[in-house]
Amino acid sequence: MGQTTLGDDTRDLSTLRRRYDELVHETLPGTAQAGDGWPVHLDHCFGRIVLDNLFGDEWYDHVDGRPAYEHLSADELVEAIGIAERMRDEGASVARELNRNSLRWRGKLGGGD
């Protein structure tokens, strides 16, 4: 049986982590490589976009351990999965928007955007 959170929350952290991992490391890169207009194609880039948008900041200022998704709470994982699913469902335009957020928080967005 998988690891569960403490208290009344019975969500299975192992299941949430597997879902996050699948979306970020398989689904999103595969979708981006098969489509047009995606700003990134590599799994670690999708991880950055999801986690930065989760925290509204550079994720590594909020998560101590690596890999980061193994150190998120159940609530954080649910929200991160929602961000990843939004990119999957709504496509390249949402990925561009969320990538711009991430780059802005990192001070890497050029003045033209």
N, C-alpha and C. Protein backbone atom coordinates (compact mmCIF):
# COMPACT_ATOMS: atom_id res chain seq x y z
N MET A 1 0.85 -1.19 0.00
CA MET A 1 0.00 0.00 0.00
C MET A 1 0.88 1.23 0.00
N GLY A 2 0.43 2.30 -0.63
CA GLY A 2 1.20 3.51 -0.75
C GLY A 2 1.21 4.35 0.51
N GLN A 3 2.07 5.33 0.51
CA GLN A 3 2.19 6.26 1.63
C GLN A 3 1.01 7.21 1.61
N THR A 4 0.38 7.41 2.78
CA THR A 4 -0.72 8.35 2.87
C THR A 4 -0.31 9.52 3.74
N THR A 5 -1.05 10.61 3.62
CA THR A 5 -0.76 11.78 4.42
C THR A 5 -1.31 11.58 5.83
N LEU A 6 -0.87 12.40 6.76
CA LEU A 6 -1.31 12.29 8.14
C LEU A 6 -2.67 12.93 8.33
N GLY A 7 -3.31 12.62 9.42
CA GLY A 7 -4.59 13.20 9.75
C GLY A 7 -5.73 12.57 8.99
N ASP A 8 -6.76 13.36 8.72
CA ASP A 8 -7.96 12.87 8.05
C ASP A 8 -7.78 12.71 6.54
N ASP A 9 -6.70 13.24 5.99
CA ASP A 9 -6.47 13.20 4.56
C ASP A 9 -6.01 11.80 4.16
N THR A 10 -6.81 11.10 3.38
CA THR A 10 -6.49 9.72 3.01
C THR A 10 -5.97 9.61 1.59
N ARG A 11 -5.64 10.73 0.96
CA ARG A 11 -5.08 10.68 -0.39
C ARG A 11 -3.74 9.95 -0.36
N ASP A 12 -3.52 9.14 -1.32
CA ASP A 12 -2.32 8.33 -1.42
C ASP A 12 -1.22 9.15 -2.09
N LEU A 13 -0.19 9.50 -1.33
CA LEU A 13 0.91 10.30 -1.87
C LEU A 13 1.62 9.57 -3.00
N SER A 14 1.76 8.27 -2.88
CA SER A 14 2.44 7.50 -3.94
C SER A 14 1.69 7.61 -5.26
N THR A 15 0.38 7.52 -5.20
CA THR A 15 -0.43 7.65 -6.42
C THR A 15 -0.32 9.05 -7.00
N LEU A 16 -0.38 10.06 -6.15
CA LEU A 16 -0.24 11.44 -6.62
C LEU A 16 1.13 11.67 -7.24
N ARG A 17 2.17 11.15 -6.61
CA ARG A 17 3.52 11.31 -7.17
C ARG A 17 3.66 10.62 -8.52
N ARG A 18 3.08 9.42 -8.64
CA ARG A 18 3.13 8.71 -9.93
C ARG A 18 2.40 9.50 -11.01
N ARG A 19 1.27 10.09 -10.67
CA ARG A 19 0.49 10.87 -11.64
C ARG A 19 1.28 12.10 -12.08
N TYR A 20 1.87 12.81 -11.13
CA TYR A 20 2.70 13.98 -11.45
C TYR A 20 3.85 13.54 -12.36
N ASP A 21 4.54 12.50 -11.99
CA ASP A 21 5.68 11.99 -12.74
C ASP A 21 5.28 11.64 -14.17
N GLU A 22 4.17 10.97 -14.33
CA GLU A 22 3.68 10.58 -15.65
C GLU A 22 3.38 11.81 -16.51
N LEU A 23 2.70 12.78 -15.94
CA LEU A 23 2.36 13.99 -16.70
C LEU A 23 3.59 14.78 -17.11
N VAL A 24 4.50 15.00 -16.16
CA VAL A 24 5.64 15.87 -16.41
C VAL A 24 6.73 15.18 -17.23
N HIS A 25 6.94 13.91 -17.00
CA HIS A 25 8.05 13.21 -17.66
C HIS A 25 7.65 12.45 -18.93
N GLU A 26 6.36 12.21 -19.13
CA GLU A 26 5.94 11.46 -20.31
C GLU A 26 4.89 12.22 -21.13
N THR A 27 3.75 12.50 -20.53
CA THR A 27 2.62 13.05 -21.27
C THR A 27 2.93 14.40 -21.90
N LEU A 28 3.39 15.36 -21.10
CA LEU A 28 3.63 16.70 -21.63
C LEU A 28 4.76 16.73 -22.67
N PRO A 29 5.90 16.10 -22.41
CA PRO A 29 6.93 16.09 -23.47
C PRO A 29 6.44 15.42 -24.76
N GLY A 30 5.70 14.33 -24.64
CA GLY A 30 5.17 13.66 -25.82
C GLY A 30 4.19 14.52 -26.58
N THR A 31 3.32 15.21 -25.84
CA THR A 31 2.34 16.10 -26.47
C THR A 31 3.05 17.25 -27.17
N ALA A 32 4.05 17.82 -26.51
CA ALA A 32 4.78 18.96 -27.09
C ALA A 32 5.54 18.54 -28.34
N GLN A 33 6.16 17.39 -28.31
CA GLN A 33 6.94 16.93 -29.46
C GLN A 33 6.04 16.61 -30.65
N ALA A 34 4.80 16.23 -30.38
CA ALA A 34 3.86 15.89 -31.46
C ALA A 34 3.12 17.11 -32.00
N GLY A 35 3.20 18.23 -31.28
CA GLY A 35 2.43 19.40 -31.67
C GLY A 35 3.32 20.56 -32.09
N ASP A 36 2.68 21.67 -32.40
CA ASP A 36 3.39 22.88 -32.82
C ASP A 36 3.20 23.98 -31.79
N GLY A 37 4.17 24.84 -31.68
CA GLY A 37 4.05 26.05 -30.88
C GLY A 37 4.33 25.91 -29.41
N TRP A 38 4.75 24.74 -28.97
CA TRP A 38 5.07 24.57 -27.56
C TRP A 38 6.41 25.25 -27.25
N PRO A 39 6.51 25.96 -26.12
CA PRO A 39 7.74 26.69 -25.82
C PRO A 39 8.87 25.79 -25.34
N VAL A 40 8.54 24.62 -24.85
CA VAL A 40 9.52 23.66 -24.35
C VAL A 40 9.10 22.26 -24.78
N HIS A 41 10.08 21.34 -24.74
CA HIS A 41 9.80 19.95 -25.09
C HIS A 41 10.37 18.96 -24.09
N LEU A 42 11.23 19.42 -23.21
CA LEU A 42 11.94 18.52 -22.30
C LEU A 42 11.24 18.43 -20.95
N ASP A 43 11.31 17.25 -20.34
CA ASP A 43 10.60 17.01 -19.09
C ASP A 43 11.01 17.95 -17.97
N HIS A 44 12.30 18.22 -17.83
CA HIS A 44 12.72 19.09 -16.72
C HIS A 44 12.19 20.51 -16.91
N CYS A 45 11.97 20.94 -18.14
CA CYS A 45 11.38 22.25 -18.38
C CYS A 45 9.92 22.28 -17.94
N PHE A 46 9.19 21.19 -18.23
CA PHE A 46 7.81 21.12 -17.76
C PHE A 46 7.76 21.09 -16.23
N GLY A 47 8.70 20.40 -15.61
CA GLY A 47 8.76 20.39 -14.15
C GLY A 47 8.96 21.80 -13.60
N ARG A 48 9.87 22.54 -14.21
CA ARG A 48 10.12 23.93 -13.79
C ARG A 48 8.85 24.77 -13.93
N ILE A 49 8.19 24.65 -15.07
CA ILE A 49 6.99 25.45 -15.32
C ILE A 49 5.90 25.12 -14.30
N VAL A 50 5.65 23.84 -14.09
CA VAL A 50 4.60 23.43 -13.15
C VAL A 50 4.92 23.91 -11.75
N LEU A 51 6.13 23.63 -11.27
CA LEU A 51 6.46 23.96 -9.89
C LEU A 51 6.57 25.46 -9.66
N ASP A 52 7.14 26.20 -10.61
CA ASP A 52 7.19 27.66 -10.44
C ASP A 52 5.79 28.24 -10.38
N ASN A 53 4.88 27.75 -11.22
CA ASN A 53 3.51 28.26 -11.19
C ASN A 53 2.76 27.79 -9.95
N LEU A 54 3.12 26.66 -9.41
CA LEU A 54 2.53 26.20 -8.15
C LEU A 54 2.83 27.20 -7.03
N PHE A 55 4.09 27.65 -6.97
CA PHE A 55 4.51 28.52 -5.87
C PHE A 55 4.47 30.01 -6.23
N GLY A 56 4.27 30.34 -7.51
CA GLY A 56 4.28 31.74 -7.91
C GLY A 56 5.65 32.36 -7.73
N ASP A 57 6.68 31.53 -7.92
CA ASP A 57 8.05 31.93 -7.62
C ASP A 57 8.96 30.80 -8.09
N GLU A 58 10.25 30.99 -7.97
CA GLU A 58 11.18 29.91 -8.26
C GLU A 58 10.97 28.79 -7.24
N TRP A 59 10.63 27.61 -7.72
CA TRP A 59 10.23 26.53 -6.83
C TRP A 59 11.30 26.16 -5.82
N TYR A 60 12.56 26.26 -6.18
CA TYR A 60 13.60 25.80 -5.26
C TYR A 60 13.75 26.69 -4.04
N ASP A 61 13.07 27.82 -4.01
CA ASP A 61 13.02 28.63 -2.79
C ASP A 61 11.95 28.12 -1.82
N HIS A 62 11.18 27.10 -2.24
CA HIS A 62 10.07 26.60 -1.43
C HIS A 62 10.16 25.11 -1.12
N VAL A 63 11.05 24.39 -1.79
CA VAL A 63 11.16 22.94 -1.62
C VAL A 63 12.62 22.61 -1.34
N ASP A 64 12.86 21.92 -0.23
CA ASP A 64 14.24 21.62 0.14
C ASP A 64 14.79 20.38 -0.55
N GLY A 65 14.00 19.33 -0.67
CA GLY A 65 14.51 18.06 -1.17
C GLY A 65 14.43 17.93 -2.67
N ARG A 66 15.14 16.97 -3.18
CA ARG A 66 15.13 16.63 -4.61
C ARG A 66 14.92 15.14 -4.75
N PRO A 67 14.16 14.67 -5.73
CA PRO A 67 13.37 15.48 -6.65
C PRO A 67 12.24 16.18 -5.91
N ALA A 68 11.95 17.37 -6.36
CA ALA A 68 11.02 18.25 -5.66
C ALA A 68 9.66 17.61 -5.44
N TYR A 69 9.12 16.93 -6.46
CA TYR A 69 7.75 16.41 -6.32
C TYR A 69 7.64 15.36 -5.23
N GLU A 70 8.72 14.75 -4.83
CA GLU A 70 8.67 13.79 -3.73
C GLU A 70 8.63 14.46 -2.37
N HIS A 71 8.75 15.79 -2.36
CA HIS A 71 8.74 16.54 -1.10
C HIS A 71 7.56 17.50 -1.02
N LEU A 72 6.60 17.35 -1.93
CA LEU A 72 5.40 18.18 -1.89
C LEU A 72 4.33 17.52 -1.02
N SER A 73 3.49 18.34 -0.43
CA SER A 73 2.35 17.84 0.32
C SER A 73 1.30 17.31 -0.66
N ALA A 74 0.32 16.61 -0.15
CA ALA A 74 -0.77 16.12 -1.00
C ALA A 74 -1.49 17.28 -1.68
N ASP A 75 -1.76 18.35 -0.94
CA ASP A 75 -2.43 19.51 -1.53
C ASP A 75 -1.59 20.12 -2.64
N GLU A 76 -0.29 20.24 -2.41
CA GLU A 76 0.59 20.79 -3.44
C GLU A 76 0.64 19.89 -4.67
N LEU A 77 0.68 18.57 -4.45
CA LEU A 77 0.69 17.64 -5.57
C LEU A 77 -0.60 17.74 -6.38
N VAL A 78 -1.72 17.82 -5.70
CA VAL A 78 -3.00 17.95 -6.41
C VAL A 78 -3.01 19.21 -7.26
N GLU A 79 -2.52 20.32 -6.72
CA GLU A 79 -2.49 21.56 -7.48
C GLU A 79 -1.49 21.47 -8.64
N ALA A 80 -0.33 20.87 -8.40
CA ALA A 80 0.67 20.70 -9.47
C ALA A 80 0.11 19.83 -10.60
N ILE A 81 -0.57 18.78 -10.25
CA ILE A 81 -1.20 17.91 -11.26
C ILE A 81 -2.23 18.71 -12.06
N GLY A 82 -2.99 19.55 -11.39
CA GLY A 82 -3.96 20.39 -12.08
C GLY A 82 -3.31 21.34 -13.07
N ILE A 83 -2.17 21.91 -12.71
CA ILE A 83 -1.43 22.79 -13.63
C ILE A 83 -0.96 22.00 -14.84
N ALA A 84 -0.40 20.82 -14.60
CA ALA A 84 0.08 19.98 -15.70
C ALA A 84 -1.07 19.55 -16.60
N GLU A 85 -2.19 19.17 -16.00
CA GLU A 85 -3.35 18.75 -16.80
C GLU A 85 -3.92 19.92 -17.60
N ARG A 86 -3.85 21.12 -17.05
CA ARG A 86 -4.32 22.30 -17.80
C ARG A 86 -3.46 22.49 -19.05
N MET A 87 -2.14 22.35 -18.91
CA MET A 87 -1.28 22.46 -20.10
C MET A 87 -1.61 21.36 -21.10
N ARG A 88 -1.80 20.15 -20.61
CA ARG A 88 -2.14 19.03 -21.50
C ARG A 88 -3.45 19.30 -22.24
N ASP A 89 -4.44 19.76 -21.51
CA ASP A 89 -5.79 19.93 -22.08
C ASP A 89 -5.92 21.18 -22.95
N GLU A 90 -5.26 22.27 -22.55
CA GLU A 90 -5.46 23.54 -23.25
C GLU A 90 -4.34 23.85 -24.23
N GLY A 91 -3.24 23.11 -24.16
CA GLY A 91 -2.23 23.17 -25.20
C GLY A 91 -1.15 24.22 -25.08
N ALA A 92 -0.54 24.47 -26.23
CA ALA A 92 0.66 25.29 -26.32
C ALA A 92 0.46 26.71 -25.81
N SER A 93 -0.70 27.31 -26.03
CA SER A 93 -0.90 28.70 -25.59
C SER A 93 -0.81 28.81 -24.08
N VAL A 94 -1.36 27.86 -23.36
CA VAL A 94 -1.27 27.87 -21.89
C VAL A 94 0.16 27.57 -21.46
N ALA A 95 0.81 26.65 -22.14
CA ALA A 95 2.22 26.35 -21.81
C ALA A 95 3.08 27.59 -22.01
N ARG A 96 2.83 28.37 -23.06
CA ARG A 96 3.58 29.61 -23.28
C ARG A 96 3.33 30.61 -22.15
N GLU A 97 2.06 30.75 -21.77
CA GLU A 97 1.71 31.67 -20.68
C GLU A 97 2.41 31.28 -19.38
N LEU A 98 2.33 30.02 -19.02
CA LEU A 98 2.92 29.55 -17.77
C LEU A 98 4.45 29.59 -17.83
N ASN A 99 5.02 29.33 -19.00
CA ASN A 99 6.47 29.43 -19.17
C ASN A 99 6.92 30.89 -18.99
N ARG A 100 6.17 31.83 -19.55
CA ARG A 100 6.50 33.25 -19.36
C ARG A 100 6.47 33.63 -17.88
N ASN A 101 5.47 33.13 -17.15
CA ASN A 101 5.44 33.38 -15.70
C ASN A 101 6.73 32.90 -15.06
N SER A 102 7.09 31.66 -15.35
CA SER A 102 8.28 31.05 -14.76
C SER A 102 9.54 31.85 -15.10
N LEU A 103 9.70 32.19 -16.35
CA LEU A 103 10.89 32.94 -16.76
C LEU A 103 10.92 34.32 -16.13
N ARG A 104 9.76 34.96 -15.97
CA ARG A 104 9.70 36.27 -15.32
C ARG A 104 10.16 36.16 -13.87
N TRP A 105 9.66 35.16 -13.15
CA TRP A 105 10.06 34.99 -11.75
C TRP A 105 11.55 34.70 -11.62
N ARG A 106 12.14 34.15 -12.66
CA ARG A 106 13.57 33.83 -12.65
C ARG A 106 14.43 34.96 -13.23
N GLY A 107 13.79 36.05 -13.66
CA GLY A 107 14.52 37.17 -14.22
C GLY A 107 15.12 36.86 -15.59
N LYS A 108 14.53 35.92 -16.30
CA LYS A 108 15.07 35.49 -17.60
C LYS A 108 14.17 35.86 -18.77
N LEU A 109 13.19 36.68 -18.53
CA LEU A 109 12.27 37.07 -19.59
C LEU A 109 12.77 38.38 -20.20
N GLY A 110 12.97 38.37 -21.51
CA GLY A 110 13.43 39.57 -22.21
C GLY A 110 12.40 40.68 -22.14
N GLY A 111 12.82 41.86 -22.40
CA GLY A 111 11.95 43.03 -22.33
C GLY A 111 10.83 43.03 -23.35
N GLY A 112 10.93 42.21 -24.41
CA GLY A 112 9.91 42.20 -25.44
C GLY A 112 8.67 41.41 -25.09
N ASP A 113 8.70 40.63 -24.04
CA ASP A 113 7.56 39.78 -23.67
C ASP A 113 6.78 40.34 -22.52
